[in-house]
């Protein structure tokens, strides 16, 4: 029965898969917030005719980076 996945291993793989899905959801949420913020900044710049310095990373920038690292780490465990 070497071709069968043992129940414990299957549950472990399912848990890792669920972690990946949760991390993807978090990444998508934060990327959406980043895009909304960038859209507002760009529109304000166009309307005002001046540039707004937005070089400081936001919470969503940092959270997205962290979740992407977690996601890659979890994905490597599946390989």
PDB file of N, CA and C in Angstrom:
ATOM      1  N   UNK A   1       0.812  -1.187   0.000  1.00  0.00           N
ATOM      2  CA  UNK A   1       0.000   0.000   0.000  1.00  0.00           C
ATOM      3  C   UNK A   1       0.860   1.257   0.000  1.00  0.00           C
ATOM      4  N   UNK A   2       1.946   1.223  -0.754  1.00  0.00           N
ATOM      5  CA  UNK A   2       2.853   2.365  -0.786  1.00  0.00           C
ATOM      6  C   UNK A   2       2.262   3.539  -1.561  1.00  0.00           C
ATOM      7  N   UNK A   3       1.274   3.296  -2.429  1.00  0.00           N
ATOM      8  CA  UNK A   3       0.670   4.359  -3.218  1.00  0.00           C
ATOM      9  C   UNK A   3      -0.378   5.155  -2.463  1.00  0.00           C
ATOM     10  N   UNK A   4      -0.816   4.624  -1.338  1.00  0.00           N
ATOM     11  CA  UNK A   4      -1.839   5.315  -0.562  1.00  0.00           C
ATOM     12  C   UNK A   4      -1.197   6.312   0.398  1.00  0.00           C
ATOM     13  N   UNK A   5      -1.894   7.422   0.598  1.00  0.00           N
ATOM     14  CA  UNK A   5      -1.434   8.416   1.554  1.00  0.00           C
ATOM     15  C   UNK A   5      -2.077   8.077   2.896  1.00  0.00           C
ATOM     16  N   UNK A   6      -1.254   7.991   3.912  1.00  0.00           N
ATOM     17  CA  UNK A   6      -1.781   7.693   5.236  1.00  0.00           C
ATOM     18  C   UNK A   6      -2.654   8.848   5.710  1.00  0.00           C
ATOM     19  N   UNK A   7      -3.633   8.529   6.530  1.00  0.00           N
ATOM     20  CA  UNK A   7      -4.609   9.520   6.996  1.00  0.00           C
ATOM     21  C   UNK A   7      -3.931  10.713   7.674  1.00  0.00           C
ATOM     22  N   UNK A   8      -2.933  10.459   8.493  1.00  0.00           N
ATOM     23  CA  UNK A   8      -2.221  11.541   9.182  1.00  0.00           C
ATOM     24  C   UNK A   8      -1.540  12.476   8.209  1.00  0.00           C
ATOM     25  N   UNK A   9      -0.913  11.916   7.194  1.00  0.00           N
ATOM     26  CA  UNK A   9      -0.227  12.727   6.174  1.00  0.00           C
ATOM     27  C   UNK A   9      -1.247  13.520   5.361  1.00  0.00           C
ATOM     28  N   UNK A  10      -2.377  12.895   5.066  1.00  0.00           N
ATOM     29  CA  UNK A  10      -3.430  13.571   4.315  1.00  0.00           C
ATOM     30  C   UNK A  10      -3.966  14.770   5.104  1.00  0.00           C
ATOM     31  N   UNK A  11      -4.161  14.593   6.399  1.00  0.00           N
ATOM     32  CA  UNK A  11      -4.638  15.699   7.241  1.00  0.00           C
ATOM     33  C   UNK A  11      -3.598  16.814   7.311  1.00  0.00           C
ATOM     34  N   UNK A  12      -2.328  16.437   7.369  1.00  0.00           N
ATOM     35  CA  UNK A  12      -1.247  17.431   7.388  1.00  0.00           C
ATOM     36  C   UNK A  12      -1.231  18.233   6.085  1.00  0.00           C
ATOM     37  N   UNK A  13      -1.382  17.530   4.958  1.00  0.00           N
ATOM     38  CA  UNK A  13      -1.406  18.210   3.666  1.00  0.00           C
ATOM     39  C   UNK A  13      -2.635  19.115   3.532  1.00  0.00           C
ATOM     40  N   UNK A  14      -3.761  18.666   4.038  1.00  0.00           N
ATOM     41  CA  UNK A  14      -4.977  19.475   4.009  1.00  0.00           C
ATOM     42  C   UNK A  14      -4.802  20.740   4.844  1.00  0.00           C
ATOM     43  N   UNK A  15      -4.185  20.599   6.008  1.00  0.00           N
ATOM     44  CA  UNK A  15      -3.933  21.760   6.863  1.00  0.00           C
ATOM     45  C   UNK A  15      -3.000  22.755   6.170  1.00  0.00           C
ATOM     46  N   UNK A  16      -1.953  22.259   5.532  1.00  0.00           N
ATOM     47  CA  UNK A  16      -1.044  23.140   4.795  1.00  0.00           C
ATOM     48  C   UNK A  16      -1.771  23.844   3.645  1.00  0.00           C
ATOM     49  N   UNK A  17      -2.628  23.107   2.955  1.00  0.00           N
ATOM     50  CA  UNK A  17      -3.401  23.693   1.866  1.00  0.00           C
ATOM     51  C   UNK A  17      -4.314  24.795   2.386  1.00  0.00           C
ATOM     52  N   UNK A  18      -4.977  24.551   3.510  1.00  0.00           N
ATOM     53  CA  UNK A  18      -5.867  25.549   4.099  1.00  0.00           C
ATOM     54  C   UNK A  18      -5.077  26.787   4.534  1.00  0.00           C
ATOM     55  N   UNK A  19      -3.865  26.586   5.055  1.00  0.00           N
ATOM     56  CA  UNK A  19      -2.999  27.715   5.417  1.00  0.00           C
ATOM     57  C   UNK A  19      -2.665  28.545   4.179  1.00  0.00           C
ATOM     58  N   UNK A  20      -2.361  27.867   3.078  1.00  0.00           N
ATOM     59  CA  UNK A  20      -2.049  28.573   1.835  1.00  0.00           C
ATOM     60  C   UNK A  20      -3.238  29.401   1.357  1.00  0.00           C
ATOM     61  N   UNK A  21      -4.420  28.827   1.428  1.00  0.00           N
ATOM     62  CA  UNK A  21      -5.629  29.543   1.003  1.00  0.00           C
ATOM     63  C   UNK A  21      -5.852  30.772   1.884  1.00  0.00           C
ATOM     64  N   UNK A  22      -5.687  30.620   3.188  1.00  0.00           N
ATOM     65  CA  UNK A  22      -5.867  31.747   4.110  1.00  0.00           C
ATOM     66  C   UNK A  22      -4.835  32.839   3.832  1.00  0.00           C
ATOM     67  N   UNK A  23      -3.603  32.441   3.560  1.00  0.00           N
ATOM     68  CA  UNK A  23      -2.559  33.414   3.260  1.00  0.00           C
ATOM     69  C   UNK A  23      -2.843  34.125   1.937  1.00  0.00           C
ATOM     70  N   UNK A  24      -3.340  33.391   0.957  1.00  0.00           N
ATOM     71  CA  UNK A  24      -3.706  34.023  -0.312  1.00  0.00           C
ATOM     72  C   UNK A  24      -4.804  35.056  -0.103  1.00  0.00           C
ATOM     73  N   UNK A  25      -5.800  34.728   0.702  1.00  0.00           N
ATOM     74  CA  UNK A  25      -6.881  35.670   0.991  1.00  0.00           C
ATOM     75  C   UNK A  25      -6.344  36.943   1.630  1.00  0.00           C
ATOM     76  N   UNK A  26      -5.437  36.792   2.585  1.00  0.00           N
ATOM     77  CA  UNK A  26      -4.851  37.950   3.258  1.00  0.00           C
ATOM     78  C   UNK A  26      -4.042  38.795   2.281  1.00  0.00           C
ATOM     79  N   UNK A  27      -3.265  38.139   1.431  1.00  0.00           N
ATOM     80  CA  UNK A  27      -2.471  38.851   0.426  1.00  0.00           C
ATOM     81  C   UNK A  27      -3.376  39.626  -0.518  1.00  0.00           C
ATOM     82  N   UNK A  28      -4.422  39.003  -0.993  1.00  0.00           N
ATOM     83  CA  UNK A  28      -5.352  39.655  -1.920  1.00  0.00           C
ATOM     84  C   UNK A  28      -6.011  40.863  -1.246  1.00  0.00           C
ATOM     85  N   UNK A  29      -6.401  40.720   0.010  1.00  0.00           N
ATOM     86  CA  UNK A  29      -7.024  41.822   0.745  1.00  0.00           C
ATOM     87  C   UNK A  29      -6.074  43.018   0.820  1.00  0.00           C
ATOM     88  N   UNK A  30      -4.831  42.775   1.240  1.00  0.00           N
ATOM     89  CA  UNK A  30      -3.873  43.873   1.401  1.00  0.00           C
ATOM     90  C   UNK A  30      -3.476  44.487   0.052  1.00  0.00           C
ATOM     91  N   UNK A  31      -3.334  43.659  -0.963  1.00  0.00           N
ATOM     92  CA  UNK A  31      -3.032  44.206  -2.291  1.00  0.00           C
ATOM     93  C   UNK A  31      -4.178  45.083  -2.788  1.00  0.00           C
ATOM     94  N   UNK A  32      -5.401  44.684  -2.493  1.00  0.00           N
ATOM     95  CA  UNK A  32      -6.555  45.502  -2.856  1.00  0.00           C
ATOM     96  C   UNK A  32      -6.503  46.866  -2.183  1.00  0.00           C
ATOM     97  N   UNK A  33      -6.124  46.880  -0.905  1.00  0.00           N
ATOM     98  CA  UNK A  33      -5.997  48.149  -0.181  1.00  0.00           C
ATOM     99  C   UNK A  33      -4.891  49.018  -0.758  1.00  0.00           C
ATOM    100  N   UNK A  34      -3.784  48.398  -1.136  1.00  0.00           N
ATOM    101  CA  UNK A  34      -2.678  49.139  -1.742  1.00  0.00           C
ATOM    102  C   UNK A  34      -3.133  49.780  -3.050  1.00  0.00           C
ATOM    103  N   UNK A  35      -3.833  49.032  -3.866  1.00  0.00           N
ATOM    104  CA  UNK A  35      -4.302  49.537  -5.159  1.00  0.00           C
ATOM    105  C   UNK A  35      -5.277  50.693  -4.962  1.00  0.00           C
ATOM    106  N   UNK A  36      -6.198  50.561  -3.998  1.00  0.00           N
ATOM    107  CA  UNK A  36      -7.145  51.647  -3.722  1.00  0.00           C
ATOM    108  C   UNK A  36      -6.412  52.922  -3.303  1.00  0.00           C
ATOM    109  N   UNK A  37      -5.421  52.763  -2.436  1.00  0.00           N
ATOM    110  CA  UNK A  37      -4.654  53.918  -1.962  1.00  0.00           C
ATOM    111  C   UNK A  37      -3.899  54.565  -3.120  1.00  0.00           C
ATOM    112  N   UNK A  38      -3.277  53.759  -3.953  1.00  0.00           N
ATOM    113  CA  UNK A  38      -2.539  54.293  -5.101  1.00  0.00           C
ATOM    114  C   UNK A  38      -3.475  55.012  -6.062  1.00  0.00           C
ATOM    115  N   UNK A  39      -4.655  54.469  -6.244  1.00  0.00           N
ATOM    116  CA  UNK A  39      -5.633  55.098  -7.126  1.00  0.00           C
ATOM    117  C   UNK A  39      -6.009  56.482  -6.597  1.00  0.00           C
ATOM    118  N   UNK A  40      -6.224  56.574  -5.291  1.00  0.00           N
ATOM    119  CA  UNK A  40      -6.575  57.858  -4.681  1.00  0.00           C
ATOM    120  C   UNK A  40      -5.431  58.860  -4.816  1.00  0.00           C
ATOM    121  N   UNK A  41      -4.208  58.413  -4.551  1.00  0.00           N
ATOM    122  CA  UNK A  41      -3.040  59.298  -4.648  1.00  0.00           C
ATOM    123  C   UNK A  41      -2.880  59.807  -6.078  1.00  0.00           C
ATOM    124  N   UNK A  42      -2.992  58.926  -7.033  1.00  0.00           N
ATOM    125  CA  UNK A  42      -2.847  59.322  -8.437  1.00  0.00           C
ATOM    126  C   UNK A  42      -3.936  60.318  -8.833  1.00  0.00           C
ATOM    127  N   UNK A  43      -5.155  60.049  -8.421  1.00  0.00           N
ATOM    128  CA  UNK A  43      -6.257  60.966  -8.757  1.00  0.00           C
ATOM    129  C   UNK A  43      -6.052  62.329  -8.110  1.00  0.00           C
ATOM    130  N   UNK A  44      -5.609  62.332  -6.855  1.00  0.00           N
ATOM    131  CA  UNK A  44      -5.334  63.608  -6.177  1.00  0.00           C
ATOM    132  C   UNK A  44      -4.235  64.386  -6.887  1.00  0.00           C
ATOM    133  N   UNK A  45      -3.217  63.687  -7.314  1.00  0.00           N
ATOM    134  CA  UNK A  45      -2.127  64.341  -8.044  1.00  0.00           C
ATOM    135  C   UNK A  45      -2.636  64.959  -9.343  1.00  0.00           C
ATOM    136  N   UNK A  46      -3.437  64.225 -10.043  1.00  0.00           N
ATOM    137  CA  UNK A  46      -3.986  64.746 -11.305  1.00  0.00           C
ATOM    138  C   UNK A  46      -4.866  65.962 -11.045  1.00  0.00           C
ATOM    139  N   UNK A  47      -5.714  65.880 -10.016  1.00  0.00           N
ATOM    140  CA  UNK A  47      -6.632  66.971  -9.715  1.00  0.00           C
ATOM    141  C   UNK A  47      -5.910  68.215  -9.214  1.00  0.00           C
ATOM    142  N   UNK A  48      -4.910  68.025  -8.383  1.00  0.00           N
ATOM    143  CA  UNK A  48      -4.214  69.155  -7.775  1.00  0.00           C
ATOM    144  C   UNK A  48      -3.065  69.665  -8.632  1.00  0.00           C
ATOM    145  N   UNK A  49      -2.606  68.835  -9.545  1.00  0.00           N
ATOM    146  CA  UNK A  49      -1.481  69.230 -10.385  1.00  0.00           C
ATOM    147  C   UNK A  49      -0.147  69.192  -9.656  1.00  0.00           C
ATOM    148  N   UNK A  50      -0.071  68.464  -8.561  1.00  0.00           N
ATOM    149  CA  UNK A  50       1.182  68.339  -7.837  1.00  0.00           C
ATOM    150  C   UNK A  50       1.394  66.901  -7.377  1.00  0.00           C
ATOM    151  N   UNK A  51       2.592  66.638  -6.936  1.00  0.00           N
ATOM    152  CA  UNK A  51       3.008  65.286  -6.573  1.00  0.00           C
ATOM    153  C   UNK A  51       2.939  65.078  -5.061  1.00  0.00           C
ATOM    154  N   UNK A  52       2.439  63.922  -4.640  1.00  0.00           N
ATOM    155  CA  UNK A  52       2.408  63.540  -3.230  1.00  0.00           C
ATOM    156  C   UNK A  52       3.440  62.438  -3.014  1.00  0.00           C
ATOM    157  N   UNK A  53       4.364  62.671  -2.097  1.00  0.00           N
ATOM    158  CA  UNK A  53       5.398  61.672  -1.803  1.00  0.00           C
ATOM    159  C   UNK A  53       4.787  60.540  -0.994  1.00  0.00           C
ATOM    160  N   UNK A  54       4.726  59.380  -1.602  1.00  0.00           N
ATOM    161  CA  UNK A  54       4.149  58.194  -0.954  1.00  0.00           C
ATOM    162  C   UNK A  54       5.202  57.090  -0.877  1.00  0.00           C
ATOM    163  N   UNK A  55       6.433  57.486  -0.571  1.00  0.00           N
ATOM    164  CA  UNK A  55       7.525  56.514  -0.572  1.00  0.00           C
ATOM    165  C   UNK A  55       7.585  55.684   0.711  1.00  0.00           C
ATOM    166  N   UNK A  56       6.965  56.145   1.782  1.00  0.00           N
ATOM    167  CA  UNK A  56       6.934  55.406   3.034  1.00  0.00           C
ATOM    168  C   UNK A  56       6.000  54.206   2.887  1.00  0.00           C
ATOM    169  N   UNK A  57       6.486  52.981   3.193  1.00  0.00           N
ATOM    170  CA  UNK A  57       5.614  51.808   3.051  1.00  0.00           C
ATOM    171  C   UNK A  57       4.446  51.867   4.037  1.00  0.00           C
ATOM    172  N   UNK A  58       3.282  51.502   3.570  1.00  0.00           N
ATOM    173  CA  UNK A  58       2.093  51.497   4.420  1.00  0.00           C
ATOM    174  C   UNK A  58       1.997  50.167   5.171  1.00  0.00           C
ATOM    175  N   UNK A  59       1.032  50.107   6.066  1.00  0.00           N
ATOM    176  CA  UNK A  59       0.770  48.857   6.787  1.00  0.00           C
ATOM    177  C   UNK A  59       0.475  47.730   5.807  1.00  0.00           C
ATOM    178  N   UNK A  60      -0.327  48.029   4.774  1.00  0.00           N
ATOM    179  CA  UNK A  60      -0.680  46.996   3.797  1.00  0.00           C
ATOM    180  C   UNK A  60       0.530  46.536   2.994  1.00  0.00           C
ATOM    181  N   UNK A  61       1.448  47.459   2.678  1.00  0.00           N
ATOM    182  CA  UNK A  61       2.677  47.066   1.988  1.00  0.00           C
ATOM    183  C   UNK A  61       3.456  46.058   2.826  1.00  0.00           C
ATOM    184  N   UNK A  62       3.640  46.401   4.108  1.00  0.00           N
ATOM    185  CA  UNK A  62       4.410  45.533   5.004  1.00  0.00           C
ATOM    186  C   UNK A  62       3.691  44.213   5.268  1.00  0.00           C
ATOM    187  N   UNK A  63       2.374  44.271   5.459  1.00  0.00           N
ATOM    188  CA  UNK A  63       1.601  43.057   5.714  1.00  0.00           C
ATOM    189  C   UNK A  63       1.617  42.131   4.498  1.00  0.00           C
ATOM    190  N   UNK A  64       1.534  42.716   3.302  1.00  0.00           N
ATOM    191  CA  UNK A  64       1.563  41.909   2.088  1.00  0.00           C
ATOM    192  C   UNK A  64       2.913  41.224   1.935  1.00  0.00           C
ATOM    193  N   UNK A  65       3.985  41.958   2.180  1.00  0.00           N
ATOM    194  CA  UNK A  65       5.324  41.366   2.103  1.00  0.00           C
ATOM    195  C   UNK A  65       5.452  40.192   3.065  1.00  0.00           C
ATOM    196  N   UNK A  66       4.994  40.382   4.294  1.00  0.00           N
ATOM    197  CA  UNK A  66       5.085  39.331   5.306  1.00  0.00           C
ATOM    198  C   UNK A  66       4.263  38.110   4.907  1.00  0.00           C
ATOM    199  N   UNK A  67       3.049  38.323   4.421  1.00  0.00           N
ATOM    200  CA  UNK A  67       2.196  37.206   4.019  1.00  0.00           C
ATOM    201  C   UNK A  67       2.771  36.477   2.809  1.00  0.00           C
ATOM    202  N   UNK A  68       3.371  37.215   1.883  1.00  0.00           N
ATOM    203  CA  UNK A  68       4.005  36.560   0.728  1.00  0.00           C
ATOM    204  C   UNK A  68       5.157  35.669   1.178  1.00  0.00           C
ATOM    205  N   UNK A  69       5.930  36.119   2.159  1.00  0.00           N
ATOM    206  CA  UNK A  69       7.013  35.293   2.703  1.00  0.00           C
ATOM    207  C   UNK A  69       6.444  34.040   3.360  1.00  0.00           C
ATOM    208  N   UNK A  70       5.382  34.222   4.160  1.00  0.00           N
ATOM    209  CA  UNK A  70       4.744  33.072   4.817  1.00  0.00           C
ATOM    210  C   UNK A  70       4.193  32.093   3.786  1.00  0.00           C
ATOM    211  N   UNK A  71       3.571  32.643   2.753  1.00  0.00           N
ATOM    212  CA  UNK A  71       2.996  31.818   1.694  1.00  0.00           C
ATOM    213  C   UNK A  71       4.074  30.990   0.998  1.00  0.00           C
ATOM    214  N   UNK A  72       5.174  31.643   0.633  1.00  0.00           N
ATOM    215  CA  UNK A  72       6.281  30.927  -0.027  1.00  0.00           C
ATOM    216  C   UNK A  72       6.859  29.855   0.896  1.00  0.00           C
ATOM    217  N   UNK A  73       6.976  30.164   2.164  1.00  0.00           N
ATOM    218  CA  UNK A  73       7.497  29.197   3.127  1.00  0.00           C
ATOM    219  C   UNK A  73       6.578  27.978   3.238  1.00  0.00           C
ATOM    220  N   UNK A  74       5.293  28.230   3.309  1.00  0.00           N
ATOM    221  CA  UNK A  74       4.329  27.124   3.393  1.00  0.00           C
ATOM    222  C   UNK A  74       4.313  26.324   2.104  1.00  0.00           C
ATOM    223  N   UNK A  75       4.408  27.007   0.981  1.00  0.00           N
ATOM    224  CA  UNK A  75       4.391  26.325  -0.321  1.00  0.00           C
ATOM    225  C   UNK A  75       5.599  25.391  -0.455  1.00  0.00           C
ATOM    226  N   UNK A  76       6.728  25.812   0.067  1.00  0.00           N
ATOM    227  CA  UNK A  76       7.935  24.978   0.002  1.00  0.00           C
ATOM    228  C   UNK A  76       7.738  23.689   0.810  1.00  0.00           C
ATOM    229  N   UNK A  77       6.996  23.773   1.918  1.00  0.00           N
ATOM    230  CA  UNK A  77       6.743  22.586   2.730  1.00  0.00           C
ATOM    231  C   UNK A  77       5.956  21.531   1.949  1.00  0.00           C
ATOM    232  N   UNK A  78       5.136  21.983   1.003  1.00  0.00           N
ATOM    233  CA  UNK A  78       4.329  21.042   0.219  1.00  0.00           C
ATOM    234  C   UNK A  78       5.149  20.339  -0.850  1.00  0.00           C
ATOM    235  N   UNK A  79       6.258  20.914  -1.218  1.00  0.00           N
ATOM    236  CA  UNK A  79       7.053  20.321  -2.302  1.00  0.00           C
ATOM    237  C   UNK A  79       7.884  19.160  -1.832  1.00  0.00           C
TER     238      UNK A  79
END
